[in-house]
Protein backbone atom coordinates (compact mmCIF):
# COMPACT_ATOMS: atom_id res chain seq x y z
CA UNK A 1 0.00 0.00 0.00
CA UNK A 2 2.95 2.31 0.54
CA UNK A 3 3.60 2.31 -3.20
CA UNK A 4 0.21 3.94 -3.81
CA UNK A 5 0.19 6.50 -1.00
CA UNK A 6 3.81 7.10 0.09
CA UNK A 7 2.57 6.72 3.69
CA UNK A 8 4.71 4.44 5.90
CA UNK A 9 2.95 1.13 6.54
CA UNK A 10 2.98 1.48 10.35
CA UNK A 11 1.31 4.90 10.14
CA UNK A 12 -1.26 3.64 7.62
CA UNK A 13 -2.18 0.70 9.87
CA UNK A 14 -2.59 2.98 12.89
CA UNK A 15 -4.93 5.26 10.97
CA UNK A 16 -6.93 2.37 9.54
CA UNK A 17 -7.35 0.87 13.03
CA UNK A 18 -8.79 4.18 14.21
CA UNK A 19 -11.17 4.45 11.24
CA UNK A 20 -12.32 0.83 11.68
CA UNK A 21 -12.83 1.16 15.43
CA UNK A 22 -16.41 0.11 16.31
CA UNK A 23 -16.77 3.26 18.43
CA UNK A 24 -16.01 5.50 15.43
CA UNK A 25 -17.92 3.48 12.79
CA UNK A 26 -16.30 5.37 9.93
CA UNK A 27 -15.15 2.30 8.00
CA UNK A 28 -16.56 -1.22 8.02
CA UNK A 29 -14.20 -4.12 7.44
CA UNK A 30 -14.81 -7.78 6.62
CA UNK A 31 -13.58 -9.06 9.99
CA UNK A 32 -14.53 -6.38 12.57
CA UNK A 33 -13.63 -8.48 15.62
CA UNK A 34 -9.93 -8.66 14.74
CA UNK A 35 -7.72 -5.56 15.02
CA UNK A 36 -5.28 -6.87 12.41
CA UNK A 37 -5.71 -6.45 8.67
CA UNK A 38 -5.48 -9.29 6.19
CA UNK A 39 -4.00 -8.54 2.74
CA UNK A 40 -7.25 -9.43 0.94
CA UNK A 41 -9.61 -7.84 3.47
CA UNK A 42 -12.07 -5.28 2.12
CA UNK A 43 -13.19 -2.07 3.82
CA UNK A 44 -16.17 0.12 3.05
CA UNK A 45 -17.41 3.50 4.20
CA UNK A 46 -19.98 2.85 6.89
CA UNK A 47 -23.53 3.94 6.12
CA UNK A 48 -24.09 4.23 9.88
CA UNK A 49 -21.49 6.97 10.35
CA UNK A 50 -23.14 10.21 11.39
CA UNK A 51 -21.35 13.27 12.68
CA UNK A 52 -22.46 16.84 11.92
CA UNK A 53 -18.89 18.10 12.36
CA UNK A 54 -17.33 15.80 9.76
CA UNK A 55 -17.97 15.96 6.05
CA UNK A 56 -16.78 13.14 3.80
CA UNK A 57 -16.90 13.65 0.06
CA UNK A 58 -15.97 11.29 -2.71
CA UNK A 59 -15.15 12.41 -6.21
CA UNK A 60 -14.94 10.15 -9.25
CA UNK A 61 -11.47 9.20 -10.46
CA UNK A 62 -9.93 11.60 -12.95
CA UNK A 63 -9.42 10.31 -16.49
CA UNK A 64 -5.86 10.58 -17.71
PDB file of N, CA and C in Angstrom:
ATOM      1  N   UNK A   1       0.814  -1.186   0.000  1.00  0.00           N
ATOM      2  CA  UNK A   1       0.000   0.000   0.000  1.00  0.00           C
ATOM      3  C   UNK A   1       0.864   1.259   0.000  1.00  0.00           C
ATOM      4  N   UNK A   2       2.064   1.154   0.512  1.00  0.00           N
ATOM      5  CA  UNK A   2       2.952   2.314   0.544  1.00  0.00           C
ATOM      6  C   UNK A   2       3.258   2.820  -0.862  1.00  0.00           C
ATOM      7  N   UNK A   3       3.299   1.909  -1.832  1.00  0.00           N
ATOM      8  CA  UNK A   3       3.601   2.314  -3.200  1.00  0.00           C
ATOM      9  C   UNK A   3       2.538   3.268  -3.749  1.00  0.00           C
ATOM     10  N   UNK A   4       1.308   3.111  -3.302  1.00  0.00           N
ATOM     11  CA  UNK A   4       0.211   3.942  -3.809  1.00  0.00           C
ATOM     12  C   UNK A   4       0.102   5.274  -3.082  1.00  0.00           C
ATOM     13  N   UNK A   5       0.456   5.310  -1.808  1.00  0.00           N
ATOM     14  CA  UNK A   5       0.193   6.502  -1.002  1.00  0.00           C
ATOM     15  C   UNK A   5       1.434   7.213  -0.487  1.00  0.00           C
ATOM     16  N   UNK A   6       2.575   6.573  -0.500  1.00  0.00           N
ATOM     17  CA  UNK A   6       3.807   7.100   0.089  1.00  0.00           C
ATOM     18  C   UNK A   6       3.689   7.320   1.598  1.00  0.00           C
ATOM     19  N   UNK A   7       2.734   6.651   2.234  1.00  0.00           N
ATOM     20  CA  UNK A   7       2.571   6.716   3.690  1.00  0.00           C
ATOM     21  C   UNK A   7       3.234   5.466   4.273  1.00  0.00           C
ATOM     22  N   UNK A   8       4.081   5.621   5.295  1.00  0.00           N
ATOM     23  CA  UNK A   8       4.706   4.439   5.899  1.00  0.00           C
ATOM     24  C   UNK A   8       3.642   3.450   6.385  1.00  0.00           C
ATOM     25  N   UNK A   9       3.929   2.171   6.221  1.00  0.00           N
ATOM     26  CA  UNK A   9       2.948   1.131   6.537  1.00  0.00           C
ATOM     27  C   UNK A   9       2.469   1.196   7.988  1.00  0.00           C
ATOM     28  N   UNK A  10       3.371   1.433   8.931  1.00  0.00           N
ATOM     29  CA  UNK A  10       2.983   1.484  10.346  1.00  0.00           C
ATOM     30  C   UNK A  10       1.984   2.616  10.592  1.00  0.00           C
ATOM     31  N   UNK A  11       2.230   3.769   9.985  1.00  0.00           N
ATOM     32  CA  UNK A  11       1.307   4.904  10.136  1.00  0.00           C
ATOM     33  C   UNK A  11      -0.041   4.608   9.491  1.00  0.00           C
ATOM     34  N   UNK A  12      -0.016   3.987   8.321  1.00  0.00           N
ATOM     35  CA  UNK A  12      -1.258   3.636   7.624  1.00  0.00           C
ATOM     36  C   UNK A  12      -2.093   2.674   8.463  1.00  0.00           C
ATOM     37  N   UNK A  13      -1.449   1.670   9.054  1.00  0.00           N
ATOM     38  CA  UNK A  13      -2.182   0.702   9.870  1.00  0.00           C
ATOM     39  C   UNK A  13      -2.777   1.359  11.107  1.00  0.00           C
ATOM     40  N   UNK A  14      -2.047   2.276  11.733  1.00  0.00           N
ATOM     41  CA  UNK A  14      -2.590   2.983  12.893  1.00  0.00           C
ATOM     42  C   UNK A  14      -3.828   3.779  12.519  1.00  0.00           C
ATOM     43  N   UNK A  15      -3.787   4.459  11.407  1.00  0.00           N
ATOM     44  CA  UNK A  15      -4.934   5.261  10.971  1.00  0.00           C
ATOM     45  C   UNK A  15      -6.114   4.385  10.579  1.00  0.00           C
ATOM     46  N   UNK A  16      -5.847   3.271   9.915  1.00  0.00           N
ATOM     47  CA  UNK A  16      -6.931   2.366   9.541  1.00  0.00           C
ATOM     48  C   UNK A  16      -7.583   1.745  10.771  1.00  0.00           C
ATOM     49  N   UNK A  17      -6.778   1.415  11.780  1.00  0.00           N
ATOM     50  CA  UNK A  17      -7.350   0.871  13.028  1.00  0.00           C
ATOM     51  C   UNK A  17      -8.295   1.876  13.661  1.00  0.00           C
ATOM     52  N   UNK A  18      -7.926   3.149  13.650  1.00  0.00           N
ATOM     53  CA  UNK A  18      -8.792   4.184  14.207  1.00  0.00           C
ATOM     54  C   UNK A  18     -10.093   4.291  13.405  1.00  0.00           C
ATOM     55  N   UNK A  19      -9.986   4.303  12.084  1.00  0.00           N
ATOM     56  CA  UNK A  19     -11.167   4.450  11.244  1.00  0.00           C
ATOM     57  C   UNK A  19     -12.087   3.233  11.300  1.00  0.00           C
ATOM     58  N   UNK A  20     -11.530   2.055  11.593  1.00  0.00           N
ATOM     59  CA  UNK A  20     -12.323   0.828  11.676  1.00  0.00           C
ATOM     60  C   UNK A  20     -12.794   0.528  13.097  1.00  0.00           C
ATOM     61  N   UNK A  21     -12.426   1.357  14.039  1.00  0.00           N
ATOM     62  CA  UNK A  21     -12.829   1.155  15.433  1.00  0.00           C
ATOM     63  C   UNK A  21     -14.355   1.153  15.529  1.00  0.00           C
ATOM     64  N   UNK A  22     -14.949   0.153  16.203  1.00  0.00           N
ATOM     65  CA  UNK A  22     -16.410   0.107  16.314  1.00  0.00           C
ATOM     66  C   UNK A  22     -17.015   1.343  16.981  1.00  0.00           C
ATOM     67  N   UNK A  23     -16.260   2.040  17.799  1.00  0.00           N
ATOM     68  CA  UNK A  23     -16.775   3.260  18.431  1.00  0.00           C
ATOM     69  C   UNK A  23     -16.888   4.395  17.419  1.00  0.00           C
ATOM     70  N   UNK A  24     -15.992   4.441  16.440  1.00  0.00           N
ATOM     71  CA  UNK A  24     -16.008   5.497  15.428  1.00  0.00           C
ATOM     72  C   UNK A  24     -17.009   5.191  14.315  1.00  0.00           C
ATOM     73  N   UNK A  25     -17.038   3.942  13.861  1.00  0.00           N
ATOM     74  CA  UNK A  25     -17.923   3.479  12.790  1.00  0.00           C
ATOM     75  C   UNK A  25     -17.779   4.301  11.509  1.00  0.00           C
ATOM     76  N   UNK A  26     -16.542   4.639  11.171  1.00  0.00           N
ATOM     77  CA  UNK A  26     -16.302   5.373   9.926  1.00  0.00           C
ATOM     78  C   UNK A  26     -16.132   4.388   8.768  1.00  0.00           C
ATOM     79  N   UNK A  27     -15.339   3.339   9.002  1.00  0.00           N
ATOM     80  CA  UNK A  27     -15.145   2.297   7.996  1.00  0.00           C
ATOM     81  C   UNK A  27     -15.614   0.959   8.549  1.00  0.00           C
ATOM     82  N   UNK A  28     -16.213   0.159   7.692  1.00  0.00           N
ATOM     83  CA  UNK A  28     -16.561  -1.223   8.024  1.00  0.00           C
ATOM     84  C   UNK A  28     -15.539  -2.118   7.346  1.00  0.00           C
ATOM     85  N   UNK A  29     -15.124  -3.167   8.047  1.00  0.00           N
ATOM     86  CA  UNK A  29     -14.203  -4.120   7.436  1.00  0.00           C
ATOM     87  C   UNK A  29     -14.805  -5.505   7.495  1.00  0.00           C
ATOM     88  N   UNK A  30     -14.253  -6.426   6.715  1.00  0.00           N
ATOM     89  CA  UNK A  30     -14.807  -7.777   6.618  1.00  0.00           C
ATOM     90  C   UNK A  30     -14.786  -8.510   7.956  1.00  0.00           C
ATOM     91  N   UNK A  31     -13.720  -8.351   8.718  1.00  0.00           N
ATOM     92  CA  UNK A  31     -13.579  -9.060   9.993  1.00  0.00           C
ATOM     93  C   UNK A  31     -13.462  -8.036  11.127  1.00  0.00           C
ATOM     94  N   UNK A  32     -14.594  -7.476  11.590  1.00  0.00           N
ATOM     95  CA  UNK A  32     -14.529  -6.377  12.565  1.00  0.00           C
ATOM     96  C   UNK A  32     -14.015  -6.778  13.944  1.00  0.00           C
ATOM     97  N   UNK A  33     -14.058  -8.045  14.285  1.00  0.00           N
ATOM     98  CA  UNK A  33     -13.630  -8.479  15.619  1.00  0.00           C
ATOM     99  C   UNK A  33     -12.112  -8.547  15.775  1.00  0.00           C
ATOM    100  N   UNK A  34     -11.386  -8.570  14.664  1.00  0.00           N
ATOM    101  CA  UNK A  34      -9.928  -8.662  14.744  1.00  0.00           C
ATOM    102  C   UNK A  34      -9.294  -7.307  14.443  1.00  0.00           C
ATOM    103  N   UNK A  35      -8.349  -6.868  15.266  1.00  0.00           N
ATOM    104  CA  UNK A  35      -7.716  -5.562  15.023  1.00  0.00           C
ATOM    105  C   UNK A  35      -6.694  -5.579  13.890  1.00  0.00           C
ATOM    106  N   UNK A  36      -6.266  -6.771  13.474  1.00  0.00           N
ATOM    107  CA  UNK A  36      -5.276  -6.869  12.408  1.00  0.00           C
ATOM    108  C   UNK A  36      -5.961  -6.844  11.047  1.00  0.00           C
ATOM    109  N   UNK A  37      -5.187  -6.508  10.021  1.00  0.00           N
ATOM    110  CA  UNK A  37      -5.707  -6.450   8.669  1.00  0.00           C
ATOM    111  C   UNK A  37      -5.099  -7.563   7.839  1.00  0.00           C
ATOM    112  N   UNK A  38      -5.940  -8.250   7.091  1.00  0.00           N
ATOM    113  CA  UNK A  38      -5.476  -9.290   6.186  1.00  0.00           C
ATOM    114  C   UNK A  38      -5.253  -8.651   4.811  1.00  0.00           C
ATOM    115  N   UNK A  39      -4.306  -9.160   4.032  1.00  0.00           N
ATOM    116  CA  UNK A  39      -3.999  -8.537   2.740  1.00  0.00           C
ATOM    117  C   UNK A  39      -5.199  -8.459   1.791  1.00  0.00           C
ATOM    118  N   UNK A  40      -6.106  -9.426   1.864  1.00  0.00           N
ATOM    119  CA  UNK A  40      -7.249  -9.430   0.943  1.00  0.00           C
ATOM    120  C   UNK A  40      -8.535  -8.904   1.581  1.00  0.00           C
ATOM    121  N   UNK A  41      -8.421  -8.337   2.768  1.00  0.00           N
ATOM    122  CA  UNK A  41      -9.607  -7.837   3.474  1.00  0.00           C
ATOM    123  C   UNK A  41     -10.128  -6.554   2.825  1.00  0.00           C
ATOM    124  N   UNK A  42     -11.443  -6.451   2.745  1.00  0.00           N
ATOM    125  CA  UNK A  42     -12.066  -5.280   2.124  1.00  0.00           C
ATOM    126  C   UNK A  42     -12.652  -4.371   3.197  1.00  0.00           C
ATOM    127  N   UNK A  43     -12.609  -3.066   2.928  1.00  0.00           N
ATOM    128  CA  UNK A  43     -13.193  -2.068   3.821  1.00  0.00           C
ATOM    129  C   UNK A  43     -14.133  -1.197   3.015  1.00  0.00           C
ATOM    130  N   UNK A  44     -15.178  -0.731   3.685  1.00  0.00           N
ATOM    131  CA  UNK A  44     -16.171   0.121   3.051  1.00  0.00           C
ATOM    132  C   UNK A  44     -16.485   1.295   3.961  1.00  0.00           C
ATOM    133  N   UNK A  45     -16.942   2.377   3.388  1.00  0.00           N
ATOM    134  CA  UNK A  45     -17.409   3.503   4.195  1.00  0.00           C
ATOM    135  C   UNK A  45     -18.715   3.068   4.842  1.00  0.00           C
ATOM    136  N   UNK A  46     -18.811   3.280   6.139  1.00  0.00           N
ATOM    137  CA  UNK A  46     -19.980   2.846   6.889  1.00  0.00           C
ATOM    138  C   UNK A  46     -21.168   3.767   6.614  1.00  0.00           C
ATOM    139  N   UNK A  47     -22.303   3.162   6.320  1.00  0.00           N
ATOM    140  CA  UNK A  47     -23.525   3.944   6.116  1.00  0.00           C
ATOM    141  C   UNK A  47     -24.108   4.411   7.449  1.00  0.00           C
ATOM    142  N   UNK A  48     -23.615   3.851   8.557  1.00  0.00           N
ATOM    143  CA  UNK A  48     -24.089   4.232   9.885  1.00  0.00           C
ATOM    144  C   UNK A  48     -23.354   5.437  10.466  1.00  0.00           C
ATOM    145  N   UNK A  49     -22.279   5.858   9.823  1.00  0.00           N
ATOM    146  CA  UNK A  49     -21.486   6.966  10.349  1.00  0.00           C
ATOM    147  C   UNK A  49     -22.254   8.273  10.223  1.00  0.00           C
ATOM    148  N   UNK A  50     -22.455   8.931  11.361  1.00  0.00           N
ATOM    149  CA  UNK A  50     -23.145  10.213  11.390  1.00  0.00           C
ATOM    150  C   UNK A  50     -22.405  11.127  12.355  1.00  0.00           C
ATOM    151  N   UNK A  51     -21.988  12.277  11.843  1.00  0.00           N
ATOM    152  CA  UNK A  51     -21.349  13.274  12.678  1.00  0.00           C
ATOM    153  C   UNK A  51     -21.520  14.620  11.972  1.00  0.00           C
ATOM    154  N   UNK A  52     -22.232  15.560  12.592  1.00  0.00           N
ATOM    155  CA  UNK A  52     -22.462  16.838  11.916  1.00  0.00           C
ATOM    156  C   UNK A  52     -21.199  17.672  11.738  1.00  0.00           C
ATOM    157  N   UNK A  53     -20.131  17.336  12.453  1.00  0.00           N
ATOM    158  CA  UNK A  53     -18.886  18.101  12.359  1.00  0.00           C
ATOM    159  C   UNK A  53     -17.920  17.563  11.314  1.00  0.00           C
ATOM    160  N   UNK A  54     -18.232  16.418  10.726  1.00  0.00           N
ATOM    161  CA  UNK A  54     -17.334  15.795   9.760  1.00  0.00           C
ATOM    162  C   UNK A  54     -18.064  15.649   8.436  1.00  0.00           C
ATOM    163  N   UNK A  55     -17.404  16.088   7.388  1.00  0.00           N
ATOM    164  CA  UNK A  55     -17.971  15.963   6.048  1.00  0.00           C
ATOM    165  C   UNK A  55     -17.037  15.097   5.213  1.00  0.00           C
ATOM    166  N   UNK A  56     -17.567  14.043   4.641  1.00  0.00           N
ATOM    167  CA  UNK A  56     -16.783  13.139   3.802  1.00  0.00           C
ATOM    168  C   UNK A  56     -17.333  13.252   2.397  1.00  0.00           C
ATOM    169  N   UNK A  57     -16.479  13.575   1.459  1.00  0.00           N
ATOM    170  CA  UNK A  57     -16.904  13.649   0.062  1.00  0.00           C
ATOM    171  C   UNK A  57     -16.056  12.716  -0.782  1.00  0.00           C
ATOM    172  N   UNK A  58     -16.673  12.178  -1.795  1.00  0.00           N
ATOM    173  CA  UNK A  58     -15.975  11.290  -2.715  1.00  0.00           C
ATOM    174  C   UNK A  58     -16.141  11.864  -4.108  1.00  0.00           C
ATOM    175  N   UNK A  59     -15.073  11.942  -4.839  1.00  0.00           N
ATOM    176  CA  UNK A  59     -15.147  12.410  -6.212  1.00  0.00           C
ATOM    177  C   UNK A  59     -14.742  11.266  -7.136  1.00  0.00           C
ATOM    178  N   UNK A  60     -15.292  11.232  -8.320  1.00  0.00           N
ATOM    179  CA  UNK A  60     -14.937  10.153  -9.250  1.00  0.00           C
ATOM    180  C   UNK A  60     -13.476  10.267  -9.665  1.00  0.00           C
ATOM    181  N   UNK A  61     -12.874   9.150 -10.023  1.00  0.00           N
ATOM    182  CA  UNK A  61     -11.471   9.200 -10.456  1.00  0.00           C
ATOM    183  C   UNK A  61     -11.322  10.055 -11.717  1.00  0.00           C
ATOM    184  N   UNK A  62     -10.210  10.743 -11.800  1.00  0.00           N
ATOM    185  CA  UNK A  62      -9.931  11.598 -12.952  1.00  0.00           C
ATOM    186  C   UNK A  62      -9.411  10.752 -14.104  1.00  0.00           C
ATOM    187  N   UNK A  63      -9.916  11.003 -15.309  1.00  0.00           N
ATOM    188  CA  UNK A  63      -9.415  10.310 -16.489  1.00  0.00           C
ATOM    189  C   UNK A  63      -8.104  10.925 -16.909  1.00  0.00           C
ATOM    190  N   UNK A  64      -7.185  10.080 -17.318  1.00  0.00           N
ATOM    191  CA  UNK A  64      -5.860  10.579 -17.711  1.00  0.00           C
ATOM    192  C   UNK A  64      -5.763  10.736 -19.203  1.00  0.00           C
TER     193      UNK A  64
END
